[in-house]
Amino acid sequence: MTWSYSGNPTTSTTDEIRFLIGDTDADDPLLQDEEISYLYNQWYTLYGTVFYVASIACETIAASYAREASHSADGVSLQLGEIQAKFTQQAETLREQHNRLLIGGIPDVGGVTADEQPDPTIAPLIFGTGMSDNLAAGRQDYGSRNVPEYWPEEYPGY
């Protein structure tokens, strides 16, 4: 098992997750690199942000502190339940940040992306006022590649 942190969260996903959960002290490691890689592989594809993966990492750390008991001896007490509560709170904070990242960005209009181009194999639709007034006429003009996008004087019917 290995533990590494370069001090620059932009260099690797592991460093970014360590930065978000506060696991940056080499003398007191909370998760190993392999454990972070496992969590990343399990959760990133489902939720798409390292903030969500980091929140799962915080829950994992909180679970490891849940099995610890509080100790008191010679006037010194160690309350490990507080550590568990802090990591649980950090997991909630990271989930809120994950949700804030999902707001905005590229507009979502039900499967159409902002940079999507029209399919060149389909003729463009032409719609006009009164084009469906005669229901007995059946399907109306669905467009032609030879007709310009605007209707100049030589196309009086449109």
C-alpha atoms as a PDB file:
ATOM      1  CA  MET A   1       0.000   0.000   0.000  1.00  0.00           C
ATOM      2  CA  THR A   2       1.278   3.444  -0.886  1.00  0.00           C
ATOM      3  CA  TRP A   3       0.525   6.979   0.223  1.00  0.00           C
ATOM      4  CA  SER A   4       1.510   9.997  -1.820  1.00  0.00           C
ATOM      5  CA  TYR A   5       0.673  13.685  -1.992  1.00  0.00           C
ATOM      6  CA  SER A   6       2.528  16.193  -4.146  1.00  0.00           C
ATOM      7  CA  GLY A   7       0.969  19.300  -2.635  1.00  0.00           C
ATOM      8  CA  ASN A   8      -0.575  20.296  -5.978  1.00  0.00           C
ATOM      9  CA  PRO A   9      -4.175  19.031  -6.419  1.00  0.00           C
ATOM     10  CA  THR A  10      -4.073  19.698 -10.161  1.00  0.00           C
ATOM     11  CA  THR A  11      -1.404  17.040 -10.775  1.00  0.00           C
ATOM     12  CA  SER A  12      -3.523  13.949 -10.089  1.00  0.00           C
ATOM     13  CA  THR A  13      -6.977  12.828  -9.095  1.00  0.00           C
ATOM     14  CA  THR A  14      -5.590  11.195  -5.952  1.00  0.00           C
ATOM     15  CA  ASP A  15      -4.017  14.495  -4.871  1.00  0.00           C
ATOM     16  CA  GLU A  16      -7.261  16.344  -5.596  1.00  0.00           C
ATOM     17  CA  ILE A  17      -9.280  13.923  -3.454  1.00  0.00           C
ATOM     18  CA  ARG A  18      -6.676  14.059  -0.674  1.00  0.00           C
ATOM     19  CA  PHE A  19      -6.851  17.858  -0.750  1.00  0.00           C
ATOM     20  CA  LEU A  20     -10.663  17.845  -0.516  1.00  0.00           C
ATOM     21  CA  ILE A  21     -10.818  15.417   2.416  1.00  0.00           C
ATOM     22  CA  GLY A  22      -7.831  16.888   4.266  1.00  0.00           C
ATOM     23  CA  ASP A  23      -5.632  13.792   4.009  1.00  0.00           C
ATOM     24  CA  THR A  24      -2.417  15.723   3.336  1.00  0.00           C
ATOM     25  CA  ASP A  25      -0.290  14.725   6.346  1.00  0.00           C
ATOM     26  CA  ALA A  26       2.187  11.934   5.512  1.00  0.00           C
ATOM     27  CA  ASP A  27       2.656  11.183   9.224  1.00  0.00           C
ATOM     28  CA  ASP A  28      -1.069  10.474   9.707  1.00  0.00           C
ATOM     29  CA  PRO A  29      -2.477   8.947   6.497  1.00  0.00           C
ATOM     30  CA  LEU A  30      -6.215   8.317   6.393  1.00  0.00           C
ATOM     31  CA  LEU A  31      -6.533   6.466   3.066  1.00  0.00           C
ATOM     32  CA  GLN A  32      -4.005   4.708   0.864  1.00  0.00           C
ATOM     33  CA  ASP A  33      -3.628   5.540  -2.845  1.00  0.00           C
ATOM     34  CA  GLU A  34      -5.161   2.203  -3.815  1.00  0.00           C
ATOM     35  CA  GLU A  35      -8.226   2.859  -1.649  1.00  0.00           C
ATOM     36  CA  ILE A  36      -8.731   6.256  -3.281  1.00  0.00           C
ATOM     37  CA  SER A  37      -8.345   4.661  -6.726  1.00  0.00           C
ATOM     38  CA  TYR A  38     -10.976   2.073  -5.793  1.00  0.00           C
ATOM     39  CA  LEU A  39     -13.437   4.748  -4.656  1.00  0.00           C
ATOM     40  CA  TYR A  40     -12.748   6.800  -7.787  1.00  0.00           C
ATOM     41  CA  ASN A  41     -13.368   3.819 -10.085  1.00  0.00           C
ATOM     42  CA  GLN A  42     -16.587   2.936  -8.254  1.00  0.00           C
ATOM     43  CA  TRP A  43     -18.190   6.383  -7.958  1.00  0.00           C
ATOM     44  CA  TYR A  44     -16.805   8.773 -10.585  1.00  0.00           C
ATOM     45  CA  THR A  45     -18.551   7.132 -13.530  1.00  0.00           C
ATOM     46  CA  LEU A  46     -21.892   7.345 -11.698  1.00  0.00           C
ATOM     47  CA  TYR A  47     -21.713  10.958 -10.509  1.00  0.00           C
ATOM     48  CA  GLY A  48     -18.994  12.602 -12.618  1.00  0.00           C
ATOM     49  CA  THR A  49     -17.208  14.813 -10.070  1.00  0.00           C
ATOM     50  CA  VAL A  50     -14.335  14.219  -7.671  1.00  0.00           C
ATOM     51  CA  PHE A  51     -16.330  16.119  -5.046  1.00  0.00           C
ATOM     52  CA  TYR A  52     -18.764  13.212  -4.857  1.00  0.00           C
ATOM     53  CA  VAL A  53     -15.897  10.703  -4.704  1.00  0.00           C
ATOM     54  CA  ALA A  54     -14.308  12.769  -1.914  1.00  0.00           C
ATOM     55  CA  SER A  55     -17.613  12.719  -0.004  1.00  0.00           C
ATOM     56  CA  ILE A  56     -17.643   8.920  -0.195  1.00  0.00           C
ATOM     57  CA  ALA A  57     -14.026   8.919   1.013  1.00  0.00           C
ATOM     58  CA  CYS A  58     -15.068  11.043   4.016  1.00  0.00           C
ATOM     59  CA  GLU A  59     -17.875   8.606   4.796  1.00  0.00           C
ATOM     60  CA  THR A  60     -15.363   5.757   4.603  1.00  0.00           C
ATOM     61  CA  ILE A  61     -13.041   7.527   7.044  1.00  0.00           C
ATOM     62  CA  ALA A  62     -15.992   8.313   9.342  1.00  0.00           C
ATOM     63  CA  ALA A  63     -16.930   4.633   9.306  1.00  0.00           C
ATOM     64  CA  SER A  64     -13.412   3.679  10.372  1.00  0.00           C
ATOM     65  CA  TYR A  65     -13.663   6.060  13.343  1.00  0.00           C
ATOM     66  CA  ALA A  66     -17.116   4.713  14.260  1.00  0.00           C
ATOM     67  CA  ARG A  67     -15.563   1.515  15.578  1.00  0.00           C
ATOM     68  CA  GLU A  68     -13.216   3.428  17.875  1.00  0.00           C
ATOM     69  CA  ALA A  69     -14.187   4.121  21.456  1.00  0.00           C
ATOM     70  CA  SER A  70     -13.656   7.282  23.461  1.00  0.00           C
ATOM     71  CA  HIS A  71     -10.883   7.024  26.064  1.00  0.00           C
ATOM     72  CA  SER A  72     -10.227   8.842  29.326  1.00  0.00           C
ATOM     73  CA  ALA A  73      -7.130   8.381  31.477  1.00  0.00           C
ATOM     74  CA  ASP A  74      -5.236  10.578  33.910  1.00  0.00           C
ATOM     75  CA  GLY A  75      -7.367  13.611  33.173  1.00  0.00           C
ATOM     76  CA  VAL A  76      -6.871  13.341  29.417  1.00  0.00           C
ATOM     77  CA  SER A  77      -9.804  12.324  27.264  1.00  0.00           C
ATOM     78  CA  LEU A  78      -9.882  11.402  23.591  1.00  0.00           C
ATOM     79  CA  GLN A  79     -13.289  11.735  21.942  1.00  0.00           C
ATOM     80  CA  LEU A  80     -13.075   9.877  18.636  1.00  0.00           C
ATOM     81  CA  GLY A  81     -16.820  10.277  18.077  1.00  0.00           C
ATOM     82  CA  GLU A  82     -16.166  13.937  17.345  1.00  0.00           C
ATOM     83  CA  ILE A  83     -13.748  12.973  14.575  1.00  0.00           C
ATOM     84  CA  GLN A  84     -16.403  10.721  13.069  1.00  0.00           C
ATOM     85  CA  ALA A  85     -18.960  13.565  13.205  1.00  0.00           C
ATOM     86  CA  LYS A  86     -16.529  15.972  11.543  1.00  0.00           C
ATOM     87  CA  PHE A  87     -15.875  13.614   8.628  1.00  0.00           C
ATOM     88  CA  THR A  88     -19.612  12.989   8.269  1.00  0.00           C
ATOM     89  CA  GLN A  89     -20.161  16.761   8.133  1.00  0.00           C
ATOM     90  CA  GLN A  90     -17.350  17.108   5.575  1.00  0.00           C
ATOM     91  CA  ALA A  91     -19.049  14.434   3.430  1.00  0.00           C
ATOM     92  CA  GLU A  92     -22.273  16.484   3.485  1.00  0.00           C
ATOM     93  CA  THR A  93     -20.370  19.654   2.580  1.00  0.00           C
ATOM     94  CA  LEU A  94     -18.664  17.935  -0.355  1.00  0.00           C
ATOM     95  CA  ARG A  95     -22.043  16.632  -1.608  1.00  0.00           C
ATOM     96  CA  GLU A  96     -23.405  20.185  -1.515  1.00  0.00           C
ATOM     97  CA  GLN A  97     -20.385  21.335  -3.547  1.00  0.00           C
ATOM     98  CA  HIS A  98     -20.982  18.469  -5.981  1.00  0.00           C
ATOM     99  CA  ASN A  99     -24.601  19.617  -6.419  1.00  0.00           C
ATOM    100  CA  ARG A 100     -23.495  23.219  -6.984  1.00  0.00           C
ATOM    101  CA  LEU A 101     -21.131  22.060  -9.730  1.00  0.00           C
ATOM    102  CA  LEU A 102     -24.060  20.481 -11.568  1.00  0.00           C
ATOM    103  CA  ILE A 103     -25.897  23.808 -11.835  1.00  0.00           C
ATOM    104  CA  GLY A 104     -25.165  25.866 -14.922  1.00  0.00           C
ATOM    105  CA  GLY A 105     -22.694  24.928 -17.610  1.00  0.00           C
ATOM    106  CA  ILE A 106     -23.993  23.696 -20.948  1.00  0.00           C
ATOM    107  CA  PRO A 107     -27.779  24.062 -21.334  1.00  0.00           C
ATOM    108  CA  ASP A 108     -29.662  20.778 -21.139  1.00  0.00           C
ATOM    109  CA  VAL A 109     -32.572  20.598 -23.544  1.00  0.00           C
ATOM    110  CA  GLY A 110     -33.304  16.917 -23.429  1.00  0.00           C
ATOM    111  CA  GLY A 111     -30.465  15.328 -25.372  1.00  0.00           C
ATOM    112  CA  VAL A 112     -29.497  18.290 -27.554  1.00  0.00           C
ATOM    113  CA  THR A 113     -26.083  19.763 -26.865  1.00  0.00           C
ATOM    114  CA  ALA A 114     -25.015  23.328 -27.555  1.00  0.00           C
ATOM    115  CA  ASP A 115     -22.454  22.303 -30.182  1.00  0.00           C
ATOM    116  CA  GLU A 116     -24.690  19.820 -32.004  1.00  0.00           C
ATOM    117  CA  GLN A 117     -24.975  20.365 -35.752  1.00  0.00           C
ATOM    118  CA  PRO A 118     -27.970  19.422 -37.917  1.00  0.00           C
ATOM    119  CA  ASP A 119     -27.805  16.105 -39.727  1.00  0.00           C
ATOM    120  CA  PRO A 120     -26.777  16.895 -43.351  1.00  0.00           C
ATOM    121  CA  THR A 121     -28.628  13.837 -44.693  1.00  0.00           C
ATOM    122  CA  ILE A 122     -32.044  15.195 -43.593  1.00  0.00           C
ATOM    123  CA  ALA A 123     -33.688  17.985 -45.537  1.00  0.00           C
ATOM    124  CA  PRO A 124     -34.498  21.013 -43.364  1.00  0.00           C
ATOM    125  CA  LEU A 125     -38.126  21.537 -42.428  1.00  0.00           C
ATOM    126  CA  ILE A 126     -39.910  24.544 -43.911  1.00  0.00           C
ATOM    127  CA  PHE A 127     -42.779  25.944 -41.936  1.00  0.00           C
ATOM    128  CA  GLY A 128     -45.006  28.771 -43.000  1.00  0.00           C
ATOM    129  CA  THR A 129     -48.219  30.470 -42.025  1.00  0.00           C
ATOM    130  CA  GLY A 130     -51.205  28.503 -43.287  1.00  0.00           C
ATOM    131  CA  MET A 131     -49.164  25.533 -44.488  1.00  0.00           C
ATOM    132  CA  SER A 132     -51.571  23.076 -42.846  1.00  0.00           C
ATOM    133  CA  ASP A 133     -54.825  24.905 -43.551  1.00  0.00           C
ATOM    134  CA  ASN A 134     -55.895  22.326 -46.134  1.00  0.00           C
ATOM    135  CA  LEU A 135     -55.943  19.022 -44.225  1.00  0.00           C
ATOM    136  CA  ALA A 136     -57.065  17.124 -47.350  1.00  0.00           C
ATOM    137  CA  ALA A 137     -53.791  18.047 -49.048  1.00  0.00           C
ATOM    138  CA  GLY A 138     -51.869  15.561 -46.904  1.00  0.00           C
ATOM    139  CA  ARG A 139     -48.228  16.118 -46.025  1.00  0.00           C
ATOM    140  CA  GLN A 140     -47.033  19.582 -46.857  1.00  0.00           C
ATOM    141  CA  ASP A 141     -43.642  20.802 -48.068  1.00  0.00           C
ATOM    142  CA  TYR A 142     -40.902  19.474 -45.771  1.00  0.00           C
ATOM    143  CA  GLY A 143     -38.164  21.499 -47.352  1.00  0.00           C
ATOM    144  CA  SER A 144     -35.637  21.378 -50.109  1.00  0.00           C
ATOM    145  CA  ARG A 145     -31.923  21.963 -50.151  1.00  0.00           C
ATOM    146  CA  ASN A 146     -32.315  24.094 -53.279  1.00  0.00           C
ATOM    147  CA  VAL A 147     -34.593  26.680 -51.647  1.00  0.00           C
ATOM    148  CA  PRO A 148     -32.777  29.491 -49.836  1.00  0.00           C
ATOM    149  CA  GLU A 149     -33.339  29.995 -46.120  1.00  0.00           C
ATOM    150  CA  TYR A 150     -35.161  33.277 -46.761  1.00  0.00           C
ATOM    151  CA  TRP A 151     -37.958  33.765 -49.278  1.00  0.00           C
ATOM    152  CA  PRO A 152     -37.082  36.354 -51.931  1.00  0.00           C
ATOM    153  CA  GLU A 153     -39.528  37.715 -54.511  1.00  0.00           C
ATOM    154  CA  GLU A 154     -39.047  34.796 -56.922  1.00  0.00           C
ATOM    155  CA  TYR A 155     -40.832  32.481 -54.475  1.00  0.00           C
ATOM    156  CA  PRO A 156     -44.179  34.313 -54.159  1.00  0.00           C
ATOM    157  CA  GLY A 157     -46.087  31.339 -52.752  1.00  0.00           C
ATOM    158  CA  TYR A 158     -44.147  31.338 -49.532  1.00  0.00           C
END
